[in-house]
Amino acid sequence: MNGMTRAIVAGCVAVMGGILGGCSSTNSLEGKVVAGNASIVTVVDSTDERVSGPGIAGAKVVLRSRSTGLSDQILGTVTTNERGEFTLKVAGGTISQQLVVEATAPDHTVANGAIYIWPTNKRGLVVLRSMTASNATKPTNPATAAYINGESGE
């Protein structure tokens, strides 16, 4: 093999390694659960004042893939830290992949929303409304309800 052929082969190997390596990448989705007037899921800039404000410790956050006509697959579950922050890892996800985030905490209504994987300069923001007898809700997905109730075996 001459020098030119070796250079071409080395270049092709490097390009293929980058492509295949990208297929197995993991996205770390950082977010925060906070108290508010309505239960919602959204994506905000990392500089949003709610991201640096107080959060809800011990909230359970479930991330599911959005599928068509089938049950959504749970991709990850996490409990927020003392500041209400969470990080979920999604293997091989892309920014065009639609996901469902569902979160709950004691004495708060459930937040459930479809989102897309957000870039590193953004944060997932889950707002949970304080629960009263008139506005109480339950998780909408049976798998999420089972996880929250400790029945999923995870």
C-alpha atoms as a PDB file:
ATOM      1  CA  MET A   1       0.000   0.000   0.000  1.00  0.00           C
ATOM      2  CA  ASN A   2       1.464   3.333  -0.984  1.00  0.00           C
ATOM      3  CA  GLY A   3       1.385   6.480   1.163  1.00  0.00           C
ATOM      4  CA  MET A   4      -1.606   8.007  -0.595  1.00  0.00           C
ATOM      5  CA  THR A   5      -3.712   4.856  -0.175  1.00  0.00           C
ATOM      6  CA  ARG A   6      -2.777   4.631   3.513  1.00  0.00           C
ATOM      7  CA  ALA A   7      -3.843   8.253   4.022  1.00  0.00           C
ATOM      8  CA  ILE A   8      -7.195   7.627   2.328  1.00  0.00           C
ATOM      9  CA  VAL A   9      -7.814   4.463   4.359  1.00  0.00           C
ATOM     10  CA  ALA A  10      -6.857   6.245   7.599  1.00  0.00           C
ATOM     11  CA  GLY A  11      -9.198   9.117   6.748  1.00  0.00           C
ATOM     12  CA  CYS A  12     -12.080   6.748   6.004  1.00  0.00           C
ATOM     13  CA  VAL A  13     -11.501   4.887   9.269  1.00  0.00           C
ATOM     14  CA  ALA A  14     -11.505   8.174  11.202  1.00  0.00           C
ATOM     15  CA  VAL A  15     -14.730   9.340   9.527  1.00  0.00           C
ATOM     16  CA  MET A  16     -16.477   5.989  10.105  1.00  0.00           C
ATOM     17  CA  GLY A  17     -15.326   5.985  13.728  1.00  0.00           C
ATOM     18  CA  GLY A  18     -16.844   9.421  14.208  1.00  0.00           C
ATOM     19  CA  ILE A  19     -20.098   8.381  12.563  1.00  0.00           C
ATOM     20  CA  LEU A  20     -20.402   5.125  14.484  1.00  0.00           C
ATOM     21  CA  GLY A  21     -19.295   6.761  17.709  1.00  0.00           C
ATOM     22  CA  GLY A  22     -22.045   9.336  17.277  1.00  0.00           C
ATOM     23  CA  CYS A  23     -24.628   6.571  17.047  1.00  0.00           C
ATOM     24  CA  SER A  24     -23.815   5.400  20.540  1.00  0.00           C
ATOM     25  CA  SER A  25     -23.620   8.833  22.134  1.00  0.00           C
ATOM     26  CA  THR A  26     -25.421   9.661  25.339  1.00  0.00           C
ATOM     27  CA  ASN A  27     -27.254  12.917  25.941  1.00  0.00           C
ATOM     28  CA  SER A  28     -27.372  14.235  29.502  1.00  0.00           C
ATOM     29  CA  LEU A  29     -30.593  16.143  29.985  1.00  0.00           C
ATOM     30  CA  GLU A  30     -30.343  18.525  32.909  1.00  0.00           C
ATOM     31  CA  GLY A  31     -33.409  20.055  34.476  1.00  0.00           C
ATOM     32  CA  LYS A  32     -35.145  21.332  37.553  1.00  0.00           C
ATOM     33  CA  VAL A  33     -38.481  20.801  39.280  1.00  0.00           C
ATOM     34  CA  VAL A  34     -39.963  23.930  40.857  1.00  0.00           C
ATOM     35  CA  ALA A  35     -43.240  24.988  42.458  1.00  0.00           C
ATOM     36  CA  GLY A  36     -45.601  27.212  40.492  1.00  0.00           C
ATOM     37  CA  ASN A  37     -49.195  28.081  39.630  1.00  0.00           C
ATOM     38  CA  ALA A  38     -49.670  25.328  37.033  1.00  0.00           C
ATOM     39  CA  SER A  39     -48.127  21.913  36.368  1.00  0.00           C
ATOM     40  CA  ILE A  40     -46.205  22.100  33.091  1.00  0.00           C
ATOM     41  CA  VAL A  41     -43.100  20.747  31.364  1.00  0.00           C
ATOM     42  CA  THR A  42     -41.026  23.085  29.216  1.00  0.00           C
ATOM     43  CA  VAL A  43     -37.467  23.846  28.115  1.00  0.00           C
ATOM     44  CA  VAL A  44     -35.781  27.132  29.088  1.00  0.00           C
ATOM     45  CA  ASP A  45     -32.389  28.806  28.753  1.00  0.00           C
ATOM     46  CA  SER A  46     -29.894  27.726  31.401  1.00  0.00           C
ATOM     47  CA  THR A  47     -29.867  31.384  32.535  1.00  0.00           C
ATOM     48  CA  ASP A  48     -33.614  31.398  33.341  1.00  0.00           C
ATOM     49  CA  GLU A  49     -34.060  32.666  36.917  1.00  0.00           C
ATOM     50  CA  ARG A  50     -36.199  29.626  37.834  1.00  0.00           C
ATOM     51  CA  VAL A  51     -33.230  27.334  37.149  1.00  0.00           C
ATOM     52  CA  SER A  52     -31.166  29.051  39.858  1.00  0.00           C
ATOM     53  CA  GLY A  53     -34.091  29.497  42.275  1.00  0.00           C
ATOM     54  CA  PRO A  54     -35.455  27.055  44.845  1.00  0.00           C
ATOM     55  CA  GLY A  55     -36.619  23.649  43.678  1.00  0.00           C
ATOM     56  CA  ILE A  56     -38.637  20.685  44.913  1.00  0.00           C
ATOM     57  CA  ALA A  57     -36.444  18.020  46.499  1.00  0.00           C
ATOM     58  CA  GLY A  58     -37.502  14.386  46.161  1.00  0.00           C
ATOM     59  CA  ALA A  59     -39.701  14.825  43.072  1.00  0.00           C
ATOM     60  CA  LYS A  60     -39.850  11.773  40.806  1.00  0.00           C
ATOM     61  CA  VAL A  61     -39.171  12.406  37.116  1.00  0.00           C
ATOM     62  CA  VAL A  62     -39.884   9.761  34.481  1.00  0.00           C
ATOM     63  CA  LEU A  63     -38.643  10.085  30.875  1.00  0.00           C
ATOM     64  CA  ARG A  64     -40.391   8.037  28.192  1.00  0.00           C
ATOM     65  CA  SER A  65     -39.958   7.720  24.444  1.00  0.00           C
ATOM     66  CA  ARG A  66     -42.907   8.869  22.395  1.00  0.00           C
ATOM     67  CA  SER A  67     -44.036   5.981  20.207  1.00  0.00           C
ATOM     68  CA  THR A  68     -46.843   5.715  17.707  1.00  0.00           C
ATOM     69  CA  GLY A  69     -49.629   3.299  18.566  1.00  0.00           C
ATOM     70  CA  LEU A  70     -47.584   1.464  21.181  1.00  0.00           C
ATOM     71  CA  SER A  71     -46.934   1.891  24.870  1.00  0.00           C
ATOM     72  CA  ASP A  72     -44.293   4.494  25.578  1.00  0.00           C
ATOM     73  CA  GLN A  73     -40.987   2.986  26.711  1.00  0.00           C
ATOM     74  CA  ILE A  74     -39.480   4.268  29.962  1.00  0.00           C
ATOM     75  CA  LEU A  75     -35.993   5.565  29.159  1.00  0.00           C
ATOM     76  CA  GLY A  76     -35.075   6.736  32.611  1.00  0.00           C
ATOM     77  CA  THR A  77     -36.265   7.646  36.058  1.00  0.00           C
ATOM     78  CA  VAL A  78     -34.692   9.903  38.628  1.00  0.00           C
ATOM     79  CA  THR A  79     -35.411  11.608  41.927  1.00  0.00           C
ATOM     80  CA  THR A  80     -34.478  15.277  42.223  1.00  0.00           C
ATOM     81  CA  ASN A  81     -31.708  16.324  44.588  1.00  0.00           C
ATOM     82  CA  GLU A  82     -32.102  18.758  47.501  1.00  0.00           C
ATOM     83  CA  ARG A  83     -32.134  21.694  45.039  1.00  0.00           C
ATOM     84  CA  GLY A  84     -34.790  20.120  42.810  1.00  0.00           C
ATOM     85  CA  GLU A  85     -32.250  19.364  40.060  1.00  0.00           C
ATOM     86  CA  PHE A  86     -32.124  16.230  37.948  1.00  0.00           C
ATOM     87  CA  THR A  87     -30.039  14.717  35.170  1.00  0.00           C
ATOM     88  CA  LEU A  88     -31.403  12.059  32.847  1.00  0.00           C
ATOM     89  CA  LYS A  89     -29.194  10.213  30.391  1.00  0.00           C
ATOM     90  CA  VAL A  90     -30.608   9.248  26.986  1.00  0.00           C
ATOM     91  CA  ALA A  91     -28.528   6.804  24.957  1.00  0.00           C
ATOM     92  CA  GLY A  92     -28.404   7.560  21.242  1.00  0.00           C
ATOM     93  CA  GLY A  93     -31.075  10.249  21.319  1.00  0.00           C
ATOM     94  CA  THR A  94     -31.259  13.053  18.783  1.00  0.00           C
ATOM     95  CA  ILE A  95     -32.733  16.538  19.015  1.00  0.00           C
ATOM     96  CA  SER A  96     -35.571  15.417  16.716  1.00  0.00           C
ATOM     97  CA  GLN A  97     -36.611  12.608  19.090  1.00  0.00           C
ATOM     98  CA  GLN A  98     -39.846  13.384  20.920  1.00  0.00           C
ATOM     99  CA  LEU A  99     -39.938  12.404  24.577  1.00  0.00           C
ATOM    100  CA  VAL A 100     -42.486  12.589  27.376  1.00  0.00           C
ATOM    101  CA  VAL A 101     -41.520  13.921  30.797  1.00  0.00           C
ATOM    102  CA  GLU A 102     -43.819  13.165  33.707  1.00  0.00           C
ATOM    103  CA  ALA A 103     -43.058  14.386  37.220  1.00  0.00           C
ATOM    104  CA  THR A 104     -44.728  14.192  40.584  1.00  0.00           C
ATOM    105  CA  ALA A 105     -44.022  15.145  44.159  1.00  0.00           C
ATOM    106  CA  PRO A 106     -46.003  14.772  47.365  1.00  0.00           C
ATOM    107  CA  ASP A 107     -48.699  17.417  47.714  1.00  0.00           C
ATOM    108  CA  HIS A 108     -48.325  18.589  44.080  1.00  0.00           C
ATOM    109  CA  THR A 109     -50.254  17.852  40.898  1.00  0.00           C
ATOM    110  CA  VAL A 110     -48.590  15.801  38.175  1.00  0.00           C
ATOM    111  CA  ALA A 111     -46.817  17.539  35.289  1.00  0.00           C
ATOM    112  CA  ASN A 112     -46.791  15.712  31.970  1.00  0.00           C
ATOM    113  CA  GLY A 113     -45.471  17.098  28.708  1.00  0.00           C
ATOM    114  CA  ALA A 114     -43.993  16.145  25.364  1.00  0.00           C
ATOM    115  CA  ILE A 115     -40.618  17.693  24.659  1.00  0.00           C
ATOM    116  CA  TYR A 116     -37.595  17.161  22.431  1.00  0.00           C
ATOM    117  CA  ILE A 117     -34.048  16.496  23.605  1.00  0.00           C
ATOM    118  CA  TRP A 118     -32.667  19.898  24.511  1.00  0.00           C
ATOM    119  CA  PRO A 119     -29.138  21.206  23.879  1.00  0.00           C
ATOM    120  CA  THR A 120     -26.631  21.716  26.706  1.00  0.00           C
ATOM    121  CA  ASN A 121     -27.348  25.475  26.947  1.00  0.00           C
ATOM    122  CA  LYS A 122     -30.995  24.703  27.829  1.00  0.00           C
ATOM    123  CA  ARG A 123     -32.637  23.104  30.865  1.00  0.00           C
ATOM    124  CA  GLY A 124     -35.788  21.128  31.285  1.00  0.00           C
ATOM    125  CA  LEU A 125     -38.124  22.962  33.624  1.00  0.00           C
ATOM    126  CA  VAL A 126     -40.913  21.098  35.354  1.00  0.00           C
ATOM    127  CA  VAL A 127     -43.371  23.253  37.276  1.00  0.00           C
ATOM    128  CA  LEU A 128     -45.594  21.499  39.816  1.00  0.00           C
ATOM    129  CA  ARG A 129     -48.705  23.106  41.247  1.00  0.00           C
ATOM    130  CA  SER A 130     -49.428  22.673  44.928  1.00  0.00           C
ATOM    131  CA  MET A 131     -52.204  20.131  45.354  1.00  0.00           C
ATOM    132  CA  THR A 132     -55.573  20.746  46.953  1.00  0.00           C
ATOM    133  CA  ALA A 133     -58.600  18.487  46.914  1.00  0.00           C
ATOM    134  CA  SER A 134     -60.044  20.416  43.956  1.00  0.00           C
ATOM    135  CA  ASN A 135     -57.037  20.168  41.648  1.00  0.00           C
ATOM    136  CA  ALA A 136     -55.516  16.764  42.475  1.00  0.00           C
ATOM    137  CA  THR A 137     -54.424  14.635  39.508  1.00  0.00           C
ATOM    138  CA  LYS A 138     -52.856  11.231  39.086  1.00  0.00           C
ATOM    139  CA  PRO A 139     -50.140  10.062  36.666  1.00  0.00           C
ATOM    140  CA  THR A 140     -51.579   9.481  33.204  1.00  0.00           C
ATOM    141  CA  ASN A 141     -49.320   6.564  32.279  1.00  0.00           C
ATOM    142  CA  PRO A 142     -49.794   3.260  34.188  1.00  0.00           C
ATOM    143  CA  ALA A 143     -46.041   2.546  34.098  1.00  0.00           C
ATOM    144  CA  THR A 144     -45.342   5.927  35.685  1.00  0.00           C
ATOM    145  CA  ALA A 145     -47.993   5.309  38.349  1.00  0.00           C
ATOM    146  CA  ALA A 146     -46.433   1.924  39.112  1.00  0.00           C
ATOM    147  CA  TYR A 147     -42.977   3.473  39.410  1.00  0.00           C
ATOM    148  CA  ILE A 148     -44.215   6.254  41.694  1.00  0.00           C
ATOM    149  CA  ASN A 149     -45.972   3.687  43.867  1.00  0.00           C
ATOM    150  CA  GLY A 150     -42.822   1.521  43.998  1.00  0.00           C
ATOM    151  CA  GLU A 151     -44.385  -1.291  41.986  1.00  0.00           C
ATOM    152  CA  SER A 152     -42.080  -1.293  38.949  1.00  0.00           C
ATOM    153  CA  GLY A 153     -39.238  -3.268  40.527  1.00  0.00           C
ATOM    154  CA  GLU A 154     -36.700  -0.533  39.765  1.00  0.00           C
END
